[in-house]
mmCIF file of all heavy atoms, coordinates in Angstrom:
data_MODEL
# 
_entry.id   MODEL 
# 
loop_
_atom_site.group_PDB 
_atom_site.id 
_atom_site.type_symbol 
_atom_site.label_atom_id 
_atom_site.label_alt_id 
_atom_site.label_comp_id 
_atom_site.label_asym_id 
_atom_site.label_entity_id 
_atom_site.label_seq_id 
_atom_site.pdbx_PDB_ins_code 
_atom_site.Cartn_x 
_atom_site.Cartn_y 
_atom_site.Cartn_z 
_atom_site.occupancy 
_atom_site.B_iso_or_equiv 
_atom_site.pdbx_formal_charge 
_atom_site.auth_seq_id 
_atom_site.auth_comp_id 
_atom_site.auth_asym_id 
_atom_site.auth_atom_id 
_atom_site.pdbx_PDB_model_num 
ATOM 1   N N   . ARG A 1 1  ? 191.991 220.827 119.944 1.00 0.00 ? 1  ARG A N   1 
ATOM 2   C CA  . ARG A 1 1  ? 193.155 220.580 119.097 1.00 0.00 ? 1  ARG A CA  1 
ATOM 3   C C   . ARG A 1 1  ? 193.041 221.334 117.776 1.00 0.00 ? 1  ARG A C   1 
ATOM 4   O O   . ARG A 1 1  ? 194.013 221.917 117.295 1.00 0.00 ? 1  ARG A O   1 
ATOM 5   C CB  . ARG A 1 1  ? 193.314 219.079 118.825 1.00 0.00 ? 1  ARG A CB  1 
ATOM 6   C CG  . ARG A 1 1  ? 194.122 218.390 119.907 1.00 0.00 ? 1  ARG A CG  1 
ATOM 7   C CD  . ARG A 1 1  ? 194.431 216.956 119.509 1.00 0.00 ? 1  ARG A CD  1 
ATOM 8   N NE  . ARG A 1 1  ? 193.537 216.103 120.287 1.00 0.00 ? 1  ARG A NE  1 
ATOM 9   C CZ  . ARG A 1 1  ? 192.877 215.065 119.822 1.00 0.00 ? 1  ARG A CZ  1 
ATOM 10  N NH1 . ARG A 1 1  ? 192.985 214.710 118.566 1.00 0.00 ? 1  ARG A NH1 1 
ATOM 11  N NH2 . ARG A 1 1  ? 192.095 214.354 120.600 1.00 0.00 ? 1  ARG A NH2 1 
ATOM 12  N N   . ARG A 1 2  ? 191.861 221.313 117.192 1.00 0.00 ? 2  ARG A N   1 
ATOM 13  C CA  . ARG A 1 2  ? 191.666 222.016 115.919 1.00 0.00 ? 2  ARG A CA  1 
ATOM 14  C C   . ARG A 1 2  ? 191.828 223.523 116.082 1.00 0.00 ? 2  ARG A C   1 
ATOM 15  O O   . ARG A 1 2  ? 192.406 224.183 115.221 1.00 0.00 ? 2  ARG A O   1 
ATOM 16  C CB  . ARG A 1 2  ? 190.273 221.705 115.361 1.00 0.00 ? 2  ARG A CB  1 
ATOM 17  C CG  . ARG A 1 2  ? 190.149 220.305 114.847 1.00 0.00 ? 2  ARG A CG  1 
ATOM 18  C CD  . ARG A 1 2  ? 188.760 220.037 114.349 1.00 0.00 ? 2  ARG A CD  1 
ATOM 19  N NE  . ARG A 1 2  ? 188.618 218.644 113.966 1.00 0.00 ? 2  ARG A NE  1 
ATOM 20  C CZ  . ARG A 1 2  ? 187.467 218.070 113.687 1.00 0.00 ? 2  ARG A CZ  1 
ATOM 21  N NH1 . ARG A 1 2  ? 186.352 218.778 113.755 1.00 0.00 ? 2  ARG A NH1 1 
ATOM 22  N NH2 . ARG A 1 2  ? 187.412 216.805 113.342 1.00 0.00 ? 2  ARG A NH2 1 
ATOM 23  N N   . LEU A 1 3  ? 191.321 224.062 117.187 1.00 0.00 ? 3  LEU A N   1 
ATOM 24  C CA  . LEU A 1 3  ? 191.466 225.497 117.415 1.00 0.00 ? 3  LEU A CA  1 
ATOM 25  C C   . LEU A 1 3  ? 192.928 225.882 117.593 1.00 0.00 ? 3  LEU A C   1 
ATOM 26  O O   . LEU A 1 3  ? 193.380 226.904 117.067 1.00 0.00 ? 3  LEU A O   1 
ATOM 27  C CB  . LEU A 1 3  ? 190.642 225.923 118.631 1.00 0.00 ? 3  LEU A CB  1 
ATOM 28  C CG  . LEU A 1 3  ? 189.135 225.970 118.412 1.00 0.00 ? 3  LEU A CG  1 
ATOM 29  C CD1 . LEU A 1 3  ? 188.426 226.238 119.730 1.00 0.00 ? 3  LEU A CD1 1 
ATOM 30  C CD2 . LEU A 1 3  ? 188.774 227.034 117.397 1.00 0.00 ? 3  LEU A CD2 1 
ATOM 31  N N   . TRP A 1 4  ? 193.687 225.085 118.348 1.00 0.00 ? 4  TRP A N   1 
ATOM 32  C CA  . TRP A 1 4  ? 195.101 225.385 118.531 1.00 0.00 ? 4  TRP A CA  1 
ATOM 33  C C   . TRP A 1 4  ? 195.847 225.276 117.206 1.00 0.00 ? 4  TRP A C   1 
ATOM 34  O O   . TRP A 1 4  ? 196.748 226.071 116.914 1.00 0.00 ? 4  TRP A O   1 
ATOM 35  C CB  . TRP A 1 4  ? 195.738 224.470 119.571 1.00 0.00 ? 4  TRP A CB  1 
ATOM 36  C CG  . TRP A 1 4  ? 195.493 224.939 120.964 1.00 0.00 ? 4  TRP A CG  1 
ATOM 37  C CD1 . TRP A 1 4  ? 194.759 224.322 121.920 1.00 0.00 ? 4  TRP A CD1 1 
ATOM 38  C CD2 . TRP A 1 4  ? 195.968 226.156 121.549 1.00 0.00 ? 4  TRP A CD2 1 
ATOM 39  N NE1 . TRP A 1 4  ? 194.747 225.079 123.065 1.00 0.00 ? 4  TRP A NE1 1 
ATOM 40  C CE2 . TRP A 1 4  ? 195.488 226.202 122.872 1.00 0.00 ? 4  TRP A CE2 1 
ATOM 41  C CE3 . TRP A 1 4  ? 196.749 227.198 121.084 1.00 0.00 ? 4  TRP A CE3 1 
ATOM 42  C CZ2 . TRP A 1 4  ? 195.769 227.263 123.718 1.00 0.00 ? 4  TRP A CZ2 1 
ATOM 43  C CZ3 . TRP A 1 4  ? 197.036 228.255 121.941 1.00 0.00 ? 4  TRP A CZ3 1 
ATOM 44  C CH2 . TRP A 1 4  ? 196.546 228.279 123.238 1.00 0.00 ? 4  TRP A CH2 1 
ATOM 45  N N   . LEU A 1 5  ? 195.464 224.313 116.386 1.00 0.00 ? 5  LEU A N   1 
ATOM 46  C CA  . LEU A 1 5  ? 196.095 224.188 115.076 1.00 0.00 ? 5  LEU A CA  1 
ATOM 47  C C   . LEU A 1 5  ? 195.812 225.422 114.232 1.00 0.00 ? 5  LEU A C   1 
ATOM 48  O O   . LEU A 1 5  ? 196.704 225.943 113.551 1.00 0.00 ? 5  LEU A O   1 
ATOM 49  C CB  . LEU A 1 5  ? 195.577 222.929 114.374 1.00 0.00 ? 5  LEU A CB  1 
ATOM 50  C CG  . LEU A 1 5  ? 196.220 222.579 113.035 1.00 0.00 ? 5  LEU A CG  1 
ATOM 51  C CD1 . LEU A 1 5  ? 197.702 222.313 113.206 1.00 0.00 ? 5  LEU A CD1 1 
ATOM 52  C CD2 . LEU A 1 5  ? 195.525 221.381 112.422 1.00 0.00 ? 5  LEU A CD2 1 
ATOM 53  N N   . ALA A 1 6  ? 194.590 225.927 114.279 1.00 0.00 ? 6  ALA A N   1 
ATOM 54  C CA  . ALA A 1 6  ? 194.241 227.148 113.543 1.00 0.00 ? 6  ALA A CA  1 
ATOM 55  C C   . ALA A 1 6  ? 195.030 228.343 114.070 1.00 0.00 ? 6  ALA A C   1 
ATOM 56  O O   . ALA A 1 6  ? 195.530 229.161 113.286 1.00 0.00 ? 6  ALA A O   1 
ATOM 57  C CB  . ALA A 1 6  ? 192.744 227.413 113.643 1.00 0.00 ? 6  ALA A CB  1 
ATOM 58  N N   . VAL A 1 7  ? 195.151 228.458 115.387 1.00 0.00 ? 7  VAL A N   1 
ATOM 59  C CA  . VAL A 1 7  ? 195.908 229.573 115.977 1.00 0.00 ? 7  VAL A CA  1 
ATOM 60  C C   . VAL A 1 7  ? 197.362 229.501 115.540 1.00 0.00 ? 7  VAL A C   1 
ATOM 61  O O   . VAL A 1 7  ? 197.953 230.517 115.123 1.00 0.00 ? 7  VAL A O   1 
ATOM 62  C CB  . VAL A 1 7  ? 195.787 229.554 117.522 1.00 0.00 ? 7  VAL A CB  1 
ATOM 63  C CG1 . VAL A 1 7  ? 196.814 230.482 118.159 1.00 0.00 ? 7  VAL A CG1 1 
ATOM 64  C CG2 . VAL A 1 7  ? 194.383 229.925 117.944 1.00 0.00 ? 7  VAL A CG2 1 
ATOM 65  N N   . PHE A 1 8  ? 197.973 228.323 115.621 1.00 0.00 ? 8  PHE A N   1 
ATOM 66  C CA  . PHE A 1 8  ? 199.367 228.188 115.204 1.00 0.00 ? 8  PHE A CA  1 
ATOM 67  C C   . PHE A 1 8  ? 199.523 228.462 113.712 1.00 0.00 ? 8  PHE A C   1 
ATOM 68  O O   . PHE A 1 8  ? 200.528 229.017 113.272 1.00 0.00 ? 8  PHE A O   1 
ATOM 69  C CB  . PHE A 1 8  ? 199.918 226.809 115.547 1.00 0.00 ? 8  PHE A CB  1 
ATOM 70  C CG  . PHE A 1 8  ? 200.145 226.612 117.020 1.00 0.00 ? 8  PHE A CG  1 
ATOM 71  C CD1 . PHE A 1 8  ? 199.801 225.419 117.636 1.00 0.00 ? 8  PHE A CD1 1 
ATOM 72  C CD2 . PHE A 1 8  ? 200.723 227.603 117.791 1.00 0.00 ? 8  PHE A CD2 1 
ATOM 73  C CE1 . PHE A 1 8  ? 200.007 225.235 118.985 1.00 0.00 ? 8  PHE A CE1 1 
ATOM 74  C CE2 . PHE A 1 8  ? 200.941 227.432 119.148 1.00 0.00 ? 8  PHE A CE2 1 
ATOM 75  C CZ  . PHE A 1 8  ? 200.588 226.243 119.743 1.00 0.00 ? 8  PHE A CZ  1 
ATOM 76  N N   . GLY A 1 9  ? 198.533 228.089 112.920 1.00 0.00 ? 9  GLY A N   1 
ATOM 77  C CA  . GLY A 1 9  ? 198.577 228.373 111.494 1.00 0.00 ? 9  GLY A CA  1 
ATOM 78  C C   . GLY A 1 9  ? 198.560 229.858 111.218 1.00 0.00 ? 9  GLY A C   1 
ATOM 79  O O   . GLY A 1 9  ? 199.344 230.361 110.399 1.00 0.00 ? 9  GLY A O   1 
ATOM 80  N N   . VAL A 1 10 ? 197.685 230.582 111.889 1.00 0.00 ? 10 VAL A N   1 
ATOM 81  C CA  . VAL A 1 10 ? 197.611 232.035 111.708 1.00 0.00 ? 10 VAL A CA  1 
ATOM 82  C C   . VAL A 1 10 ? 198.906 232.696 112.164 1.00 0.00 ? 10 VAL A C   1 
ATOM 83  O O   . VAL A 1 10 ? 199.450 233.581 111.483 1.00 0.00 ? 10 VAL A O   1 
ATOM 84  C CB  . VAL A 1 10 ? 196.393 232.616 112.462 1.00 0.00 ? 10 VAL A CB  1 
ATOM 85  C CG1 . VAL A 1 10 ? 196.451 234.134 112.513 1.00 0.00 ? 10 VAL A CG1 1 
ATOM 86  C CG2 . VAL A 1 10 ? 195.096 232.150 111.814 1.00 0.00 ? 10 VAL A CG2 1 
ATOM 87  N N   . VAL A 1 11 ? 199.427 232.282 113.301 1.00 0.00 ? 11 VAL A N   1 
ATOM 88  C CA  . VAL A 1 11 ? 200.679 232.865 113.805 1.00 0.00 ? 11 VAL A CA  1 
ATOM 89  C C   . VAL A 1 11 ? 201.822 232.591 112.841 1.00 0.00 ? 11 VAL A C   1 
ATOM 90  O O   . VAL A 1 11 ? 202.647 233.476 112.561 1.00 0.00 ? 11 VAL A O   1 
ATOM 91  C CB  . VAL A 1 11 ? 200.993 232.313 115.218 1.00 0.00 ? 11 VAL A CB  1 
ATOM 92  C CG1 . VAL A 1 11 ? 202.415 232.668 115.643 1.00 0.00 ? 11 VAL A CG1 1 
ATOM 93  C CG2 . VAL A 1 11 ? 199.989 232.843 116.217 1.00 0.00 ? 11 VAL A CG2 1 
ATOM 94  N N   . SER A 1 12 ? 201.878 231.380 112.299 1.00 0.00 ? 12 SER A N   1 
ATOM 95  C CA  . SER A 1 12 ? 202.967 231.069 111.365 1.00 0.00 ? 12 SER A CA  1 
ATOM 96  C C   . SER A 1 12 ? 202.857 231.886 110.085 1.00 0.00 ? 12 SER A C   1 
ATOM 97  O O   . SER A 1 12 ? 203.873 232.318 109.536 1.00 0.00 ? 12 SER A O   1 
ATOM 98  C CB  . SER A 1 12 ? 202.990 229.574 111.053 1.00 0.00 ? 12 SER A CB  1 
ATOM 99  O OG  . SER A 1 12 ? 201.804 229.190 110.379 1.00 0.00 ? 12 SER A OG  1 
ATOM 100 N N   . VAL A 1 13 ? 201.643 232.121 109.589 1.00 0.00 ? 13 VAL A N   1 
ATOM 101 C CA  . VAL A 1 13 ? 201.474 232.956 108.397 1.00 0.00 ? 13 VAL A CA  1 
ATOM 102 C C   . VAL A 1 13 ? 201.905 234.382 108.688 1.00 0.00 ? 13 VAL A C   1 
ATOM 103 O O   . VAL A 1 13 ? 202.616 235.009 107.877 1.00 0.00 ? 13 VAL A O   1 
ATOM 104 C CB  . VAL A 1 13 ? 200.004 232.898 107.902 1.00 0.00 ? 13 VAL A CB  1 
ATOM 105 C CG1 . VAL A 1 13 ? 199.740 233.985 106.865 1.00 0.00 ? 13 VAL A CG1 1 
ATOM 106 C CG2 . VAL A 1 13 ? 199.686 231.525 107.330 1.00 0.00 ? 13 VAL A CG2 1 
ATOM 107 N N   . VAL A 1 14 ? 201.519 234.917 109.825 1.00 0.00 ? 14 VAL A N   1 
ATOM 108 C CA  . VAL A 1 14 ? 201.905 236.285 110.184 1.00 0.00 ? 14 VAL A CA  1 
ATOM 109 C C   . VAL A 1 14 ? 203.425 236.387 110.319 1.00 0.00 ? 14 VAL A C   1 
ATOM 110 O O   . VAL A 1 14 ? 204.050 237.333 109.824 1.00 0.00 ? 14 VAL A O   1 
ATOM 111 C CB  . VAL A 1 14 ? 201.188 236.730 111.480 1.00 0.00 ? 14 VAL A CB  1 
ATOM 112 C CG1 . VAL A 1 14 ? 201.782 238.026 112.010 1.00 0.00 ? 14 VAL A CG1 1 
ATOM 113 C CG2 . VAL A 1 14 ? 199.702 236.869 111.238 1.00 0.00 ? 14 VAL A CG2 1 
ATOM 114 N N   . LEU A 1 15 ? 204.048 235.416 110.970 1.00 0.00 ? 15 LEU A N   1 
ATOM 115 C CA  . LEU A 1 15 ? 205.511 235.424 111.111 1.00 0.00 ? 15 LEU A CA  1 
ATOM 116 C C   . LEU A 1 15 ? 206.193 235.298 109.755 1.00 0.00 ? 15 LEU A C   1 
ATOM 117 O O   . LEU A 1 15 ? 207.203 235.962 109.484 1.00 0.00 ? 15 LEU A O   1 
ATOM 118 C CB  . LEU A 1 15 ? 205.969 234.305 112.040 1.00 0.00 ? 15 LEU A CB  1 
ATOM 119 C CG  . LEU A 1 15 ? 205.714 234.527 113.526 1.00 0.00 ? 15 LEU A CG  1 
ATOM 120 C CD1 . LEU A 1 15 ? 206.118 233.285 114.321 1.00 0.00 ? 15 LEU A CD1 1 
ATOM 121 C CD2 . LEU A 1 15 ? 206.465 235.735 114.029 1.00 0.00 ? 15 LEU A CD2 1 
ATOM 122 N N   . ALA A 1 16 ? 205.671 234.443 108.896 1.00 0.00 ? 16 ALA A N   1 
ATOM 123 C CA  . ALA A 1 16 ? 206.265 234.276 107.571 1.00 0.00 ? 16 ALA A CA  1 
ATOM 124 C C   . ALA A 1 16 ? 206.179 235.569 106.773 1.00 0.00 ? 16 ALA A C   1 
ATOM 125 O O   . ALA A 1 16 ? 207.139 235.956 106.090 1.00 0.00 ? 16 ALA A O   1 
ATOM 126 C CB  . ALA A 1 16 ? 205.567 233.143 106.817 1.00 0.00 ? 16 ALA A CB  1 
ATOM 127 N N   . GLN A 1 17 ? 205.065 236.263 106.859 1.00 0.00 ? 17 GLN A N   1 
ATOM 128 C CA  . GLN A 1 17 ? 204.939 237.542 106.160 1.00 0.00 ? 17 GLN A CA  1 
ATOM 129 C C   . GLN A 1 17 ? 205.894 238.582 106.732 1.00 0.00 ? 17 GLN A C   1 
ATOM 130 O O   . GLN A 1 17 ? 206.503 239.374 105.993 1.00 0.00 ? 17 GLN A O   1 
ATOM 131 C CB  . GLN A 1 17 ? 203.498 238.045 106.217 1.00 0.00 ? 17 GLN A CB  1 
ATOM 132 C CG  . GLN A 1 17 ? 202.554 237.270 105.330 1.00 0.00 ? 17 GLN A CG  1 
ATOM 133 C CD  . GLN A 1 17 ? 201.115 237.758 105.438 1.00 0.00 ? 17 GLN A CD  1 
ATOM 134 O OE1 . GLN A 1 17 ? 200.793 238.559 106.323 1.00 0.00 ? 17 GLN A OE1 1 
ATOM 135 N NE2 . GLN A 1 17 ? 200.270 237.266 104.551 1.00 0.00 ? 17 GLN A NE2 1 
ATOM 136 N N   . GLY A 1 18 ? 206.035 238.593 108.038 1.00 0.00 ? 18 GLY A N   1 
ATOM 137 C CA  . GLY A 1 18 ? 206.968 239.527 108.678 1.00 0.00 ? 18 GLY A CA  1 
ATOM 138 C C   . GLY A 1 18 ? 208.402 239.255 108.266 1.00 0.00 ? 18 GLY A C   1 
ATOM 139 O O   . GLY A 1 18 ? 209.171 240.182 107.961 1.00 0.00 ? 18 GLY A O   1 
ATOM 140 N N   . ILE A 1 19 ? 208.779 237.992 108.249 1.00 0.00 ? 19 ILE A N   1 
ATOM 141 C CA  . ILE A 1 19 ? 210.140 237.628 107.836 1.00 0.00 ? 19 ILE A CA  1 
ATOM 142 C C   . ILE A 1 19 ? 210.348 237.984 106.370 1.00 0.00 ? 19 ILE A C   1 
ATOM 143 O O   . ILE A 1 19 ? 211.415 238.481 105.974 1.00 0.00 ? 19 ILE A O   1 
ATOM 144 C CB  . ILE A 1 19 ? 210.395 236.133 108.105 1.00 0.00 ? 19 ILE A CB  1 
ATOM 145 C CG1 . ILE A 1 19 ? 210.462 235.889 109.614 1.00 0.00 ? 19 ILE A CG1 1 
ATOM 146 C CG2 . ILE A 1 19 ? 211.667 235.647 107.423 1.00 0.00 ? 19 ILE A CG2 1 
ATOM 147 C CD1 . ILE A 1 19 ? 210.513 234.436 110.009 1.00 0.00 ? 19 ILE A CD1 1 
ATOM 148 N N   . ASN A 1 20 ? 209.333 237.757 105.559 1.00 0.00 ? 20 ASN A N   1 
ATOM 149 C CA  . ASN A 1 20 ? 209.417 238.102 104.146 1.00 0.00 ? 20 ASN A CA  1 
ATOM 150 C C   . ASN A 1 20 ? 209.637 239.616 103.975 1.00 0.00 ? 20 ASN A C   1 
ATOM 151 O O   . ASN A 1 20 ? 210.454 240.049 103.143 1.00 0.00 ? 20 ASN A O   1 
ATOM 152 C CB  . ASN A 1 20 ? 208.154 237.642 103.412 1.00 0.00 ? 20 ASN A CB  1 
ATOM 153 C CG  . ASN A 1 20 ? 208.270 237.746 101.917 1.00 0.00 ? 20 ASN A CG  1 
ATOM 154 O OD1 . ASN A 1 20 ? 209.382 237.821 101.385 1.00 0.00 ? 20 ASN A OD1 1 
ATOM 155 N ND2 . ASN A 1 20 ? 207.151 237.757 101.244 1.00 0.00 ? 20 ASN A ND2 1 
ATOM 156 N N   . GLU A 1 21 ? 208.924 240.416 104.736 1.00 0.00 ? 21 GLU A N   1 
ATOM 157 C CA  . GLU A 1 21 ? 209.095 241.867 104.678 1.00 0.00 ? 21 GLU A CA  1 
ATOM 158 C C   . GLU A 1 21 ? 210.500 242.266 105.104 1.00 0.00 ? 21 GLU A C   1 
ATOM 159 O O   . GLU A 1 21 ? 211.122 243.136 104.490 1.00 0.00 ? 21 GLU A O   1 
ATOM 160 C CB  . GLU A 1 21 ? 208.060 242.567 105.571 1.00 0.00 ? 21 GLU A CB  1 
ATOM 161 C CG  . GLU A 1 21 ? 206.648 242.552 105.042 1.00 0.00 ? 21 GLU A CG  1 
ATOM 162 C CD  . GLU A 1 21 ? 206.507 243.388 103.760 1.00 0.00 ? 21 GLU A CD  1 
ATOM 163 O OE1 . GLU A 1 21 ? 207.128 244.461 103.652 1.00 0.00 ? 21 GLU A OE1 1 
ATOM 164 O OE2 . GLU A 1 21 ? 205.779 242.919 102.864 1.00 0.00 ? 21 GLU A OE2 1 
ATOM 165 N N   . LEU A 1 22 ? 211.024 241.640 106.161 1.00 0.00 ? 22 LEU A N   1 
ATOM 166 C CA  . LEU A 1 22 ? 212.390 241.938 106.611 1.00 0.00 ? 22 LEU A CA  1 
ATOM 167 C C   . LEU A 1 22 ? 213.417 241.583 105.550 1.00 0.00 ? 22 LEU A C   1 
ATOM 168 O O   . LEU A 1 22 ? 214.396 242.317 105.336 1.00 0.00 ? 22 LEU A O   1 
ATOM 169 C CB  . LEU A 1 22 ? 212.686 241.207 107.909 1.00 0.00 ? 22 LEU A CB  1 
ATOM 170 C CG  . LEU A 1 22 ? 211.992 241.729 109.173 1.00 0.00 ? 22 LEU A CG  1 
ATOM 171 C CD1 . LEU A 1 22 ? 212.294 240.814 110.348 1.00 0.00 ? 22 LEU A CD1 1 
ATOM 172 C CD2 . LEU A 1 22 ? 212.433 243.145 109.466 1.00 0.00 ? 22 LEU A CD2 1 
ATOM 173 N N   . ILE A 1 23 ? 213.205 240.464 104.897 1.00 0.00 ? 23 ILE A N   1 
ATOM 174 C CA  . ILE A 1 23 ? 214.134 240.046 103.846 1.00 0.00 ? 23 ILE A CA  1 
ATOM 175 C C   . ILE A 1 23 ? 214.082 241.042 102.684 1.00 0.00 ? 23 ILE A C   1 
ATOM 176 O O   . ILE A 1 23 ? 215.135 241.421 102.123 1.00 0.00 ? 23 ILE A O   1 
ATOM 177 C CB  . ILE A 1 23 ? 213.810 238.622 103.380 1.00 0.00 ? 23 ILE A CB  1 
ATOM 178 C CG1 . ILE A 1 23 ? 214.172 237.638 104.478 1.00 0.00 ? 23 ILE A CG1 1 
ATOM 179 C CG2 . ILE A 1 23 ? 214.563 238.275 102.098 1.00 0.00 ? 23 ILE A CG2 1 
ATOM 180 C CD1 . ILE A 1 23 ? 213.736 236.213 104.206 1.00 0.00 ? 23 ILE A CD1 1 
ATOM 181 N N   . GLN A 1 24 ? 212.888 241.480 102.320 1.00 0.00 ? 24 GLN A N   1 
ATOM 182 C CA  . GLN A 1 24 ? 212.761 242.425 101.216 1.00 0.00 ? 24 GLN A CA  1 
ATOM 183 C C   . GLN A 1 24 ? 213.386 243.774 101.571 1.00 0.00 ? 24 GLN A C   1 
ATOM 184 O O   . GLN A 1 24 ? 214.014 244.426 100.746 1.00 0.00 ? 24 GLN A O   1 
ATOM 185 C CB  . GLN A 1 24 ? 211.289 242.613 100.836 1.00 0.00 ? 24 GLN A CB  1 
ATOM 186 C CG  . GLN A 1 24 ? 210.708 241.447 100.083 1.00 0.00 ? 24 GLN A CG  1 
ATOM 187 C CD  . GLN A 1 24 ? 209.252 241.674 99.715  1.00 0.00 ? 24 GLN A CD  1 
ATOM 188 O OE1 . GLN A 1 24 ? 208.676 242.713 100.033 1.00 0.00 ? 24 GLN A OE1 1 
ATOM 189 N NE2 . GLN A 1 24 ? 208.662 240.683 99.072  1.00 0.00 ? 24 GLN A NE2 1 
# 
């Protein structure tokens, strides 16, 4: 469970940065 939470956390950070770049 902890590993999946870490994976989802990393994916969400990467997606958030990508969306931020698209917005900019």
